[in-house]
Protein backbone atom coordinates (compact mmCIF):
# COMPACT_ATOMS: atom_id res chain seq x y z
CA MET A 1 11.38 -26.54 37.50
CA ALA A 2 11.25 -22.72 36.26
CA LYS A 3 8.22 -21.96 33.72
CA LYS A 4 9.32 -20.87 30.29
CA PRO A 5 8.85 -17.19 29.34
CA ARG A 6 5.68 -17.29 27.33
CA ILE A 7 5.62 -14.78 24.14
CA VAL A 8 2.36 -14.64 22.23
CA ILE A 9 2.45 -12.61 19.17
CA ILE A 10 -0.86 -10.98 17.66
CA GLY A 11 -0.88 -11.30 14.06
CA ALA A 12 0.28 -13.52 11.57
CA GLY A 13 1.38 -11.42 8.71
CA MET A 14 5.11 -10.55 7.67
CA ALA A 15 6.18 -8.98 11.04
CA GLY A 16 4.37 -11.41 13.68
CA LEU A 17 5.95 -14.65 11.58
CA THR A 18 9.56 -12.71 11.17
CA ALA A 19 9.27 -12.43 14.94
CA ALA A 20 8.10 -15.95 15.37
CA ASN A 21 10.70 -17.38 13.13
CA LYS A 22 13.66 -15.40 14.74
CA LEU A 23 12.62 -16.22 18.36
CA TYR A 24 12.02 -19.99 17.47
CA THR A 25 15.48 -20.41 15.78
CA SER A 26 17.53 -18.27 17.82
CA SER A 27 16.49 -19.15 21.69
CA ASN A 28 17.27 -22.87 21.68
CA ASP A 29 13.73 -23.66 22.81
CA LEU A 30 13.86 -21.03 25.71
CA PHE A 31 10.34 -19.70 24.99
CA GLU A 32 6.66 -20.94 25.09
CA LEU A 33 5.94 -19.30 21.94
CA PHE A 34 2.37 -18.70 20.37
CA VAL A 35 1.00 -16.57 17.34
CA VAL A 36 -2.81 -15.92 17.51
CA GLU A 37 -4.36 -14.50 14.01
CA GLY A 38 -7.78 -13.23 14.02
CA GLY A 39 -8.26 -14.45 10.37
CA THR A 40 -8.51 -17.65 8.79
CA ARG A 41 -5.43 -17.64 6.99
CA ILE A 42 -1.90 -16.46 7.55
CA GLY A 43 0.09 -13.77 5.59
CA GLY A 44 -2.01 -10.50 6.99
CA ARG A 45 -1.83 -7.85 4.22
CA ILE A 46 0.25 -10.38 2.07
CA ASN A 47 -2.50 -12.78 0.19
CA THR A 48 -1.70 -14.30 -3.11
CA SER A 49 -4.71 -15.21 -5.00
CA GLU A 50 -5.72 -16.91 -8.47
CA PHE A 51 -7.89 -15.41 -11.19
CA TYR A 52 -8.65 -17.13 -14.42
CA GLY A 53 -5.63 -19.23 -14.21
CA ASP A 54 -3.18 -16.22 -13.54
CA ARG A 55 -1.40 -15.69 -9.87
CA VAL A 56 -2.55 -12.27 -8.54
CA GLU A 57 -1.65 -10.37 -5.49
CA MET A 58 -4.62 -8.71 -3.71
CA GLY A 59 -2.16 -6.88 -1.23
CA ALA A 60 1.56 -6.54 -1.22
CA THR A 61 2.69 -7.13 -4.97
CA TRP A 62 6.15 -5.71 -5.57
CA ILE A 63 9.76 -6.23 -4.06
CA HIS A 64 10.81 -2.47 -3.90
CA GLY A 65 14.18 -2.76 -5.00
CA ILE A 66 16.38 -6.03 -4.90
CA LYS A 67 19.61 -4.71 -3.33
CA GLY A 68 19.33 -5.05 0.36
CA SER A 69 15.90 -6.32 0.50
CA PRO A 70 15.44 -8.98 2.98
CA VAL A 71 12.31 -10.23 1.14
CA HIS A 72 14.51 -10.59 -2.18
CA GLN A 73 17.00 -12.75 -0.33
CA ILE A 74 14.33 -14.98 0.84
CA ALA A 75 12.74 -15.17 -2.54
CA GLN A 76 16.08 -15.98 -4.02
CA GLN A 77 16.91 -18.67 -1.24
CA ILE A 78 13.60 -20.50 -1.74
CA ASN A 79 13.55 -20.10 -5.53
CA ALA A 80 10.50 -18.33 -5.74
CA LEU A 81 11.03 -15.75 -7.82
CA GLN A 82 10.78 -17.43 -11.45
CA GLY A 83 9.85 -20.88 -10.20
CA SER A 84 6.07 -20.32 -10.91
CA ASP A 85 3.44 -23.34 -12.77
CA LYS A 86 1.46 -20.51 -14.27
CA PRO A 87 1.45 -16.84 -15.27
CA TRP A 88 1.70 -14.18 -12.45
CA GLU A 89 1.03 -10.48 -12.09
CA CYS A 90 3.69 -8.47 -13.74
CA MET A 91 6.06 -11.36 -14.58
CA ASP A 92 7.07 -9.39 -17.46
CA GLY A 93 8.04 -6.32 -15.66
CA LEU A 94 6.87 -2.97 -16.32
CA LEU A 95 4.76 -3.00 -19.72
CA ASP A 96 5.96 -0.93 -22.93
CA GLU A 97 5.11 2.65 -22.97
CA PRO A 98 1.21 2.80 -22.40
CA LYS A 99 -1.21 5.00 -24.41
CA THR A 100 -2.02 8.03 -22.90
CA ILE A 101 -5.83 8.89 -23.89
CA ALA A 102 -7.56 12.16 -22.72
CA GLU A 103 -11.25 12.23 -22.18
CA GLY A 104 -13.17 12.68 -25.22
CA GLY A 105 -11.18 10.10 -27.00
CA PHE A 106 -7.81 12.27 -27.90
CA LYS A 107 -4.52 10.31 -27.97
CA LEU A 108 -1.54 12.57 -26.31
CA ASN A 109 1.67 12.15 -28.05
CA GLY A 110 4.95 12.62 -26.37
CA SER A 111 5.39 16.30 -26.78
CA MET A 112 2.60 16.90 -24.80
CA ILE A 113 3.00 14.25 -21.76
CA GLU A 114 6.78 14.71 -21.15
CA PRO A 115 7.06 18.09 -20.11
CA ILE A 116 4.22 17.18 -17.19
CA SER A 117 6.04 13.87 -16.81
CA THR A 118 9.38 15.46 -16.29
CA LEU A 119 7.95 18.01 -14.19
CA PHE A 120 6.14 15.80 -12.04
CA LYS A 121 9.26 13.58 -11.59
CA ASN A 122 11.48 16.30 -10.72
CA LEU A 123 9.40 17.58 -8.06
CA MET A 124 9.00 14.34 -6.57
CA ASP A 125 12.64 13.33 -6.52
CA PHE A 126 13.05 16.95 -4.84
CA ALA A 127 10.41 16.14 -2.33
CA GLN A 128 11.97 12.96 -1.55
CA GLY A 129 15.78 14.27 -0.78
CA ASN A 130 17.33 13.55 -4.47
CA GLU A 131 18.64 15.97 -6.78
CA ALA A 132 16.59 18.09 -8.92
CA SER A 133 16.42 21.24 -11.09
CA LYS A 134 17.43 24.68 -9.52
CA TRP A 135 13.86 25.87 -9.89
CA CYS A 136 12.79 23.13 -7.53
CA SER A 137 15.03 24.82 -4.58
CA MET A 138 13.30 28.19 -5.44
CA SER A 139 9.91 26.39 -4.89
CA ARG A 140 10.96 24.97 -1.66
CA ARG A 141 11.43 28.47 -0.28
CA LEU A 142 7.65 28.90 -0.59
CA GLY A 143 7.15 26.73 2.51
CA ASN A 144 5.03 23.54 2.30
CA LYS A 145 3.42 21.45 4.77
CA SER A 146 2.15 19.03 2.62
CA VAL A 147 3.34 17.09 -0.67
CA GLY A 148 0.09 18.16 -2.27
CA SER A 149 0.67 21.78 -1.94
CA PHE A 150 4.32 21.32 -2.97
CA LEU A 151 3.60 19.94 -6.28
CA ARG A 152 0.73 22.33 -7.14
CA LYS A 153 3.17 25.12 -6.54
CA GLY A 154 5.66 23.83 -8.48
CA LEU A 155 2.92 23.32 -11.30
CA ASP A 156 2.49 27.14 -11.11
CA VAL A 157 5.95 27.69 -11.37
CA TYR A 158 6.07 25.66 -14.67
CA TRP A 159 3.12 27.72 -15.86
CA ASP A 160 4.92 30.95 -14.97
CA SER A 161 8.12 30.00 -16.56
CA CYS A 162 6.30 29.13 -20.48
CA LYS A 163 3.57 32.22 -20.67
CA ASP A 164 2.43 33.18 -24.21
CA ARG A 165 2.39 29.81 -25.74
CA GLU A 166 0.13 28.97 -28.46
CA GLU A 167 -3.15 27.81 -27.90
CA LEU A 168 -3.98 24.06 -28.21
CA LYS A 169 -5.75 23.08 -31.28
CA GLY A 170 -7.30 19.78 -32.20
CA TYR A 171 -8.14 18.77 -28.84
CA GLY A 172 -11.74 19.54 -28.24
CA LYS A 173 -12.62 21.69 -25.44
CA TRP A 174 -9.40 20.78 -23.70
CA SER A 175 -7.27 23.90 -23.25
CA ARG A 176 -3.60 23.64 -23.06
CA GLU A 177 -3.47 24.32 -19.08
CA LEU A 178 -6.68 22.11 -18.53
CA LEU A 179 -5.04 19.41 -20.45
CA GLU A 180 -1.63 19.64 -18.59
CA GLU A 181 -3.59 19.89 -15.62
CA ALA A 182 -5.15 16.92 -15.85
CA ILE A 183 -1.93 15.28 -17.16
CA PHE A 184 -0.58 16.09 -13.78
CA ALA A 185 -3.36 14.75 -11.62
CA MET A 186 -2.89 11.59 -13.40
CA TYR A 187 0.52 11.08 -12.10
CA GLU A 188 -0.73 12.76 -8.45
CA ASN A 189 -3.10 9.99 -8.58
CA THR A 190 -0.56 7.37 -9.33
CA GLN A 191 1.41 8.79 -6.33
CA ARG A 192 -1.44 8.41 -4.00
CA THR A 193 -1.60 4.78 -4.55
CA TYR A 194 2.11 4.44 -3.92
CA THR A 195 1.80 6.39 -0.45
CA SER A 196 -1.95 5.27 0.56
CA ALA A 197 -2.69 9.16 0.95
CA GLY A 198 -6.48 9.82 -0.03
CA ASP A 199 -5.53 13.39 -0.60
CA LEU A 200 -1.75 14.44 -0.97
CA PHE A 201 -2.66 17.50 0.70
CA SER A 202 -2.67 15.20 3.71
CA LEU A 203 1.00 13.82 3.04
CA ASP A 204 3.80 15.58 4.99
CA TYR A 205 6.33 17.32 3.08
CA GLU A 206 9.20 17.38 5.33
CA ALA A 207 8.90 13.77 6.30
CA GLU A 208 8.82 12.69 2.65
CA SER A 209 12.86 12.78 2.43
CA GLU A 210 13.40 10.21 5.01
CA TYR A 211 11.63 7.62 3.65
CA ARG A 212 14.21 5.01 1.76
CA MET A 213 14.06 2.75 -0.92
CA PHE A 214 16.41 -0.09 -1.83
CA PRO A 215 18.40 0.51 -5.11
CA GLY A 216 17.86 -1.92 -8.10
CA GLU A 217 14.70 -3.02 -9.89
CA GLU A 218 11.18 -3.52 -8.52
CA ILE A 219 10.07 -6.96 -9.42
CA THR A 220 7.21 -9.55 -8.33
CA ILE A 221 7.40 -13.02 -7.05
CA GLY A 222 6.51 -15.84 -9.33
CA ASN A 223 5.60 -18.27 -6.75
CA GLY A 224 3.32 -15.54 -4.98
CA TYR A 225 4.18 -13.14 -2.25
CA SER A 226 2.61 -15.82 0.19
CA SER A 227 5.61 -18.02 -0.56
CA ILE A 228 7.53 -15.77 1.68
CA ILE A 229 5.05 -15.76 4.47
CA GLU A 230 4.88 -20.03 4.26
CA TYR A 231 8.77 -19.81 4.30
CA LEU A 232 8.97 -17.96 7.62
CA ALA A 233 6.04 -20.09 9.24
CA SER A 234 7.47 -23.46 7.86
CA VAL A 235 9.71 -23.87 10.60
CA LEU A 236 7.38 -23.18 13.85
CA PRO A 237 5.76 -26.12 15.64
CA ARG A 238 2.06 -27.30 14.02
CA ASP A 239 0.25 -25.79 17.26
CA ALA A 240 2.30 -22.49 17.46
CA ILE A 241 -0.07 -20.71 14.88
CA GLN A 242 -3.67 -20.37 16.32
CA LEU A 243 -5.97 -19.13 13.69
CA ASP A 244 -9.71 -17.53 13.79
CA ARG A 245 -8.48 -16.07 17.43
CA LYS A 246 -9.76 -12.77 17.58
CA VAL A 247 -8.47 -10.63 20.29
CA ALA A 248 -11.22 -8.63 22.28
CA LYS A 249 -9.10 -6.95 24.85
CA ILE A 250 -5.20 -6.90 26.01
CA GLU A 251 -5.12 -6.46 29.78
CA TRP A 252 -1.19 -5.08 30.90
CA ASP A 253 0.47 -4.44 33.95
CA ARG A 254 -1.18 -6.69 36.13
CA SER A 255 0.32 -7.97 39.39
CA ASP A 256 0.54 -11.77 38.12
CA SER A 257 3.64 -13.84 37.86
CA ARG A 258 2.37 -13.23 34.15
CA PRO A 259 1.55 -9.46 33.60
CA VAL A 260 -0.17 -9.98 30.23
CA LYS A 261 -3.86 -11.46 29.70
CA ILE A 262 -5.15 -11.35 26.41
CA HIS A 263 -9.12 -12.18 26.17
CA PHE A 264 -10.54 -13.67 22.75
CA LEU A 265 -13.88 -13.15 21.59
CA ASP A 266 -14.79 -16.47 22.20
CA GLY A 267 -14.71 -15.77 25.83
CA SER A 268 -11.07 -17.58 26.09
CA PHE A 269 -7.92 -16.06 27.22
CA VAL A 270 -4.18 -16.65 27.56
CA LEU A 271 -1.53 -15.16 30.11
CA ALA A 272 1.58 -14.08 28.91
CA ASP A 273 4.77 -12.28 29.81
CA HIS A 274 5.15 -10.52 26.61
CA VAL A 275 3.28 -9.78 23.82
CA ILE A 276 4.14 -8.56 20.49
CA VAL A 277 1.29 -6.53 18.86
CA THR A 278 1.41 -6.66 15.08
CA VAL A 279 -1.85 -5.47 14.03
CA SER A 280 -2.21 -2.53 11.52
CA LEU A 281 -2.21 0.95 12.42
CA GLY A 282 -5.93 1.20 11.43
CA VAL A 283 -6.55 -1.41 13.99
CA LEU A 284 -4.74 0.71 16.59
CA LYS A 285 -6.59 3.65 15.72
CA ALA A 286 -9.72 2.01 16.14
CA GLY A 287 -8.25 0.28 19.19
CA ILE A 288 -7.66 3.50 21.34
CA CYS A 289 -11.13 4.97 20.47
CA ASN A 290 -13.25 5.53 23.89
CA ASP A 291 -15.70 3.00 23.26
CA SER A 292 -13.44 0.20 21.92
CA GLY A 293 -10.92 -0.64 25.24
CA LEU A 294 -8.57 -2.50 23.29
CA PHE A 295 -5.94 -1.85 25.77
CA SER A 296 -6.70 -2.16 29.72
CA PRO A 297 -5.25 0.24 31.39
CA PRO A 298 -5.53 2.28 28.32
CA LEU A 299 -1.97 3.02 26.15
CA PRO A 300 -0.03 6.40 27.82
CA SER A 301 -0.74 9.61 25.78
CA PHE A 302 2.78 9.53 24.04
CA LYS A 303 1.79 6.29 22.22
CA THR A 304 -1.94 7.51 21.38
CA ASP A 305 -1.02 10.62 20.14
CA ALA A 306 1.41 8.97 17.77
CA ILE A 307 -0.89 6.59 16.79
CA SER A 308 -3.53 9.35 16.10
CA ARG A 309 -1.26 11.62 14.38
CA LEU A 310 -0.03 8.99 11.89
CA GLY A 311 -1.79 8.70 8.35
CA TYR A 312 -3.03 5.26 7.44
CA GLY A 313 -5.20 5.00 4.16
CA VAL A 314 -6.69 2.73 1.89
CA VAL A 315 -5.25 1.23 -1.33
CA ASN A 316 -7.14 -1.33 -3.45
CA LYS A 317 -6.87 -3.37 -6.52
CA LEU A 318 -9.48 -4.08 -9.07
CA PHE A 319 -8.68 -7.14 -11.78
CA LEU A 320 -10.89 -7.45 -14.60
CA ARG A 321 -11.61 -9.97 -17.15
CA LEU A 322 -11.62 -9.05 -20.79
CA ASN A 323 -14.57 -10.37 -22.81
CA GLY A 324 -13.50 -13.42 -24.90
CA ASN A 325 -14.78 -11.38 -27.94
CA ARG A 326 -11.86 -9.37 -27.73
CA LYS A 327 -8.22 -10.26 -28.04
CA PRO A 328 -6.26 -9.15 -25.26
CA GLU A 329 -4.00 -7.35 -27.56
CA GLU A 330 -6.40 -5.38 -29.07
CA LEU A 331 -6.91 -3.46 -25.73
CA PRO A 332 -3.63 -1.42 -24.99
CA SER A 333 -2.12 -0.27 -21.49
CA LEU A 334 -3.68 2.70 -20.78
CA GLN A 335 -2.84 6.06 -19.03
CA MET A 336 -6.37 7.72 -18.11
CA VAL A 337 -6.57 11.60 -18.53
CA PHE A 338 -9.97 13.12 -16.94
CA HIS A 339 -11.70 16.23 -16.63
CA ARG A 340 -12.57 16.96 -12.91
CA SER A 341 -15.75 15.37 -11.46
CA ASP A 342 -17.20 18.83 -11.01
CA SER A 343 -16.22 20.10 -14.72
CA GLU A 344 -18.92 20.94 -16.76
CA LEU A 345 -16.78 19.29 -19.90
CA ARG A 346 -17.03 15.81 -18.26
CA HIS A 347 -18.68 12.66 -19.78
CA LYS A 348 -21.60 12.42 -17.54
CA LYS A 349 -21.46 8.70 -17.63
CA ILE A 350 -17.85 8.50 -16.24
CA PRO A 351 -18.63 7.91 -12.49
CA TRP A 352 -16.29 9.87 -10.09
CA TRP A 353 -14.57 7.19 -8.69
CA MET A 354 -13.29 6.05 -12.16
CA ARG A 355 -11.79 9.62 -12.46
CA ARG A 356 -9.25 9.13 -9.77
CA THR A 357 -7.43 6.10 -11.31
CA ALA A 358 -4.84 6.61 -13.67
CA THR A 359 -4.32 3.39 -15.29
CA LEU A 360 -5.80 0.26 -16.66
CA SER A 361 -3.21 -2.24 -17.92
CA PRO A 362 -2.85 -6.19 -18.72
CA ILE A 363 -1.11 -7.69 -15.71
CA TYR A 364 1.33 -9.02 -18.05
CA ASN A 365 1.69 -8.80 -22.20
CA ASN A 366 -1.23 -10.07 -23.88
CA ALA A 367 -2.96 -11.05 -20.78
CA SER A 368 -6.88 -11.29 -20.62
CA VAL A 369 -6.79 -9.79 -17.04
CA PHE A 370 -6.33 -6.06 -16.68
CA LEU A 371 -5.75 -4.26 -13.54
CA SER A 372 -6.28 -0.56 -12.04
CA TRP A 373 -5.13 0.66 -8.62
CA PHE A 374 -7.44 3.03 -6.37
CA ALA A 375 -6.71 4.89 -3.30
CA GLY A 376 -8.83 6.72 -0.66
CA LYS A 377 -12.43 7.28 -1.05
CA GLU A 378 -12.48 5.73 -4.48
CA ALA A 379 -11.26 2.73 -3.08
CA LEU A 380 -13.94 2.62 -0.20
CA GLU A 381 -16.47 2.93 -2.90
CA LEU A 382 -14.80 0.21 -5.05
CA GLU A 383 -15.54 -2.08 -2.18
CA ARG A 384 -19.40 -0.97 -1.70
CA LEU A 385 -19.97 -1.34 -5.61
CA SER A 386 -21.19 -4.40 -6.98
CA ASN A 387 -19.66 -6.45 -9.56
CA GLU A 388 -22.11 -5.64 -12.24
CA GLU A 389 -22.02 -1.79 -11.36
CA ILE A 390 -18.03 -1.97 -11.62
CA ILE A 391 -18.05 -3.65 -15.01
CA ASN A 392 -20.58 -1.30 -16.28
CA ALA A 393 -18.62 1.76 -15.16
CA VAL A 394 -15.12 0.43 -16.26
CA THR A 395 -16.63 -0.66 -19.65
CA THR A 396 -18.36 2.84 -20.12
CA THR A 397 -15.27 4.72 -19.38
CA VAL A 398 -12.96 2.81 -21.44
CA SER A 399 -15.07 2.60 -24.42
CA SER A 400 -15.65 6.31 -24.15
CA LEU A 401 -11.79 7.13 -24.05
CA LEU A 402 -11.22 4.77 -27.20
CA SER A 403 -13.95 6.18 -29.28
CA LYS A 404 -13.62 8.40 -32.01
CA PRO A 405 -12.83 12.18 -30.83
CA HIS A 406 -14.90 14.93 -32.16
CA ASN A 407 -12.05 16.36 -33.82
CA GLU A 408 -9.72 13.77 -35.86
CA ILE A 409 -6.71 13.55 -34.63
CA MET A 410 -6.43 9.72 -33.99
CA SER A 411 -5.17 7.72 -37.23
CA ASP A 412 -5.12 4.16 -35.26
CA SER A 413 -7.51 1.56 -35.78
CA ASN A 414 -9.34 3.00 -32.55
CA SER A 415 -10.63 6.03 -34.08
CA ASN A 416 -13.88 4.24 -35.61
CA GLY A 417 -14.87 3.59 -32.03
CA PHE A 418 -13.55 0.74 -29.85
CA GLU A 419 -16.57 -1.32 -27.86
CA VAL A 420 -14.79 -3.25 -25.08
CA SER A 421 -16.38 -5.14 -21.99
CA PHE A 422 -15.32 -7.00 -19.14
CA VAL A 423 -16.93 -10.27 -17.92
CA ASP A 424 -15.72 -10.66 -14.41
CA VAL A 425 -14.26 -8.68 -11.30
CA LEU A 426 -12.07 -9.63 -8.39
CA LYS A 427 -11.29 -6.54 -5.99
CA SER A 428 -9.47 -6.33 -2.45
CA LYS A 429 -11.49 -4.92 0.27
CA TRP A 430 -8.74 -3.48 2.96
CA GLY A 431 -10.61 -0.96 4.05
CA SER A 432 -13.79 -2.57 4.97
CA ASP A 433 -12.07 -5.70 6.56
CA PRO A 434 -12.08 -5.33 10.41
CA LEU A 435 -8.68 -6.93 10.79
CA PHE A 436 -7.15 -4.48 8.79
CA LEU A 437 -9.10 -1.33 8.23
CA GLY A 438 -7.01 -0.02 5.43
CA SER A 439 -3.85 -0.60 3.71
CA TYR A 440 -0.80 1.05 5.07
CA SER A 441 0.60 3.97 6.97
CA TYR A 442 2.26 6.97 5.86
CA VAL A 443 3.25 10.51 7.64
CA ALA A 444 0.33 13.02 7.64
CA VAL A 445 0.59 16.63 8.14
CA GLY A 446 0.94 17.14 11.85
CA SER A 447 3.05 14.07 12.46
CA SER A 448 6.53 13.33 11.71
CA GLY A 449 8.96 10.58 11.28
CA ALA A 450 9.61 10.57 14.96
CA ASP A 451 6.11 9.30 15.52
CA PHE A 452 7.11 6.01 13.98
CA ASP A 453 10.06 5.39 16.45
CA THR A 454 7.29 6.32 19.15
CA MET A 455 5.07 3.37 17.84
CA ALA A 456 7.94 0.94 18.22
CA GLU A 457 8.52 1.99 22.01
CA PRO A 458 7.77 -1.23 24.25
CA LEU A 459 5.71 -0.89 27.44
CA PRO A 460 6.07 -0.14 30.46
CA THR A 461 8.61 2.60 29.74
CA ASP A 462 10.20 1.87 33.10
CA VAL A 463 13.12 0.01 32.41
CA TYR A 464 13.54 -1.13 36.04
CA HIS A 465 10.03 -2.38 36.04
CA ARG A 466 9.35 -5.74 37.60
CA HIS A 467 7.88 -7.22 34.38
CA PRO A 468 9.58 -5.30 31.74
CA LEU A 469 8.71 -5.53 27.91
CA GLN A 470 5.20 -6.47 28.48
CA ILE A 471 3.88 -5.23 25.45
CA LEU A 472 6.09 -4.79 22.20
CA PHE A 473 4.96 -3.35 19.01
CA ALA A 474 5.78 -4.37 15.37
CA GLY A 475 4.51 -3.81 11.98
CA GLU A 476 4.99 -1.48 8.90
CA ALA A 477 3.84 1.39 11.20
CA THR A 478 6.56 1.03 13.36
CA HIS A 479 9.35 1.47 11.18
CA ARG A 480 10.59 5.27 10.64
CA THR A 481 12.26 4.78 6.92
CA HIS A 482 10.53 1.77 5.53
CA TYR A 483 7.05 2.32 6.46
CA SER A 484 4.22 0.84 4.05
CA THR A 485 6.46 -2.20 2.93
CA THR A 486 6.66 -5.61 3.56
CA HIS A 487 10.52 -5.24 4.16
CA GLY A 488 9.47 -2.65 6.71
CA ALA A 489 7.40 -5.19 8.51
CA TYR A 490 10.32 -7.77 8.46
CA PHE A 491 13.02 -5.43 9.81
CA SER A 492 10.27 -4.58 12.88
CA GLY A 493 9.67 -8.27 13.78
CA ILE A 494 13.49 -8.90 13.66
CA ARG A 495 13.93 -5.84 16.17
CA GLU A 496 11.33 -6.59 18.63
CA ALA A 497 12.74 -10.54 18.53
CA ASN A 498 16.21 -9.16 19.22
CA ARG A 499 15.02 -6.98 21.84
CA LEU A 500 13.49 -9.95 23.89
CA LEU A 501 16.42 -12.28 23.02
CA GLN A 502 18.81 -9.66 24.31
CA HIS A 503 16.52 -9.39 27.46
CA TYR A 504 17.13 -13.09 28.05
CA HIS A 505 20.90 -12.67 27.17
CA CYS A 506 20.54 -15.02 24.11
CA GLY A 507 22.96 -14.45 21.30
CA VAL A 508 21.46 -12.47 18.16
């Protein structure tokens, strides 16, 4: 009796479990199928947790557009959207308009914020290939390598178009231009968390318009994002998923009847006909280093060049529990406008890493748990800091913002000072986790969308090879138009499963 083709999937995240689900349900028991996961849980960068009775997401949070999203379709199918037995993150959607506070305790009204907000939105719409005002098309002719340079040129064009305005009064040491630049930087900091680019000057401008969003609203999942993962895994045999199996080396193109040999850190190994590698781009970047030797023989240069060129950043979430001495409704949802870290005008006790986050908001209306997002160097700093250091820094920052300004411009209840404190912290640590080494991919300056296509190419490249499709690649960093998303990972898992099903002439 002929042996079954053996397929090993490395990684039990969205891509890996989607591929396993598709292969198992579509092949009529044709394959010997295993999913090996280096961690002690399934889900990868999807990790639903709890914090003081609230359901929160440590990783993937949003369904980005409900029309056409396979994640939304699954969530509807399993009744996961609203079926929660406890409050969950962003369960009432985006909160009401936040208060925007500039350093020094100055509350900014709409006439100050809206021109810059509109400017930033128009610039990003244009960069992403949507319609925008005519002056944006003028800006494009200036030549842009990065999104960051494009945005800053757009701000310069805006300033040139509205010269000779009255100087700002009543905002302490803030000049009009300094304040507008700081508001603009606040929106840039939010954009960095969307893309994972630590610096928008490293985010490629030309490729930005290739990225695709699903239409419709963005929502969270009442039963948690992990419910999607659990559904995908539920059809597999109990022994198909092996946890705590850390891969040390992948030998491929061997002369054996099973050409791939996967070595594990515990000294064991498994032979396979096909391996679907779904590890993060961060792990692949570490794996192609000279002293790593994850692949033997090393991956071909066209593959390693794409891995090296593409960007991969860190985004972390910080949850904070409000001290019970304060009612949650007393602390508003905040947009925070800061002086630069090197400014002589800055509040010396607000640390540099707090200056690079844009918001602090309750996770739903009147929640006692608040959330801030961090990207890049400050996201890594957050991982290093103790809970006490974080609580002290956030408390100092928020209390300073909500204190009475030097010049009386605030008339609300916070004008006499607002002492706020937090009692506990929950934070993600994607950058230092060796199974991920970051959060998600982006197109860095010097790379292009074509590099995502290269990432997806199977090995060996010779279609007439005696053992074709030995190593296949899936994951968000292998999808050209939906990179950085869970649905991009899902699509990639389906793609690689279909590649093998077609190879074995199974209906897809």
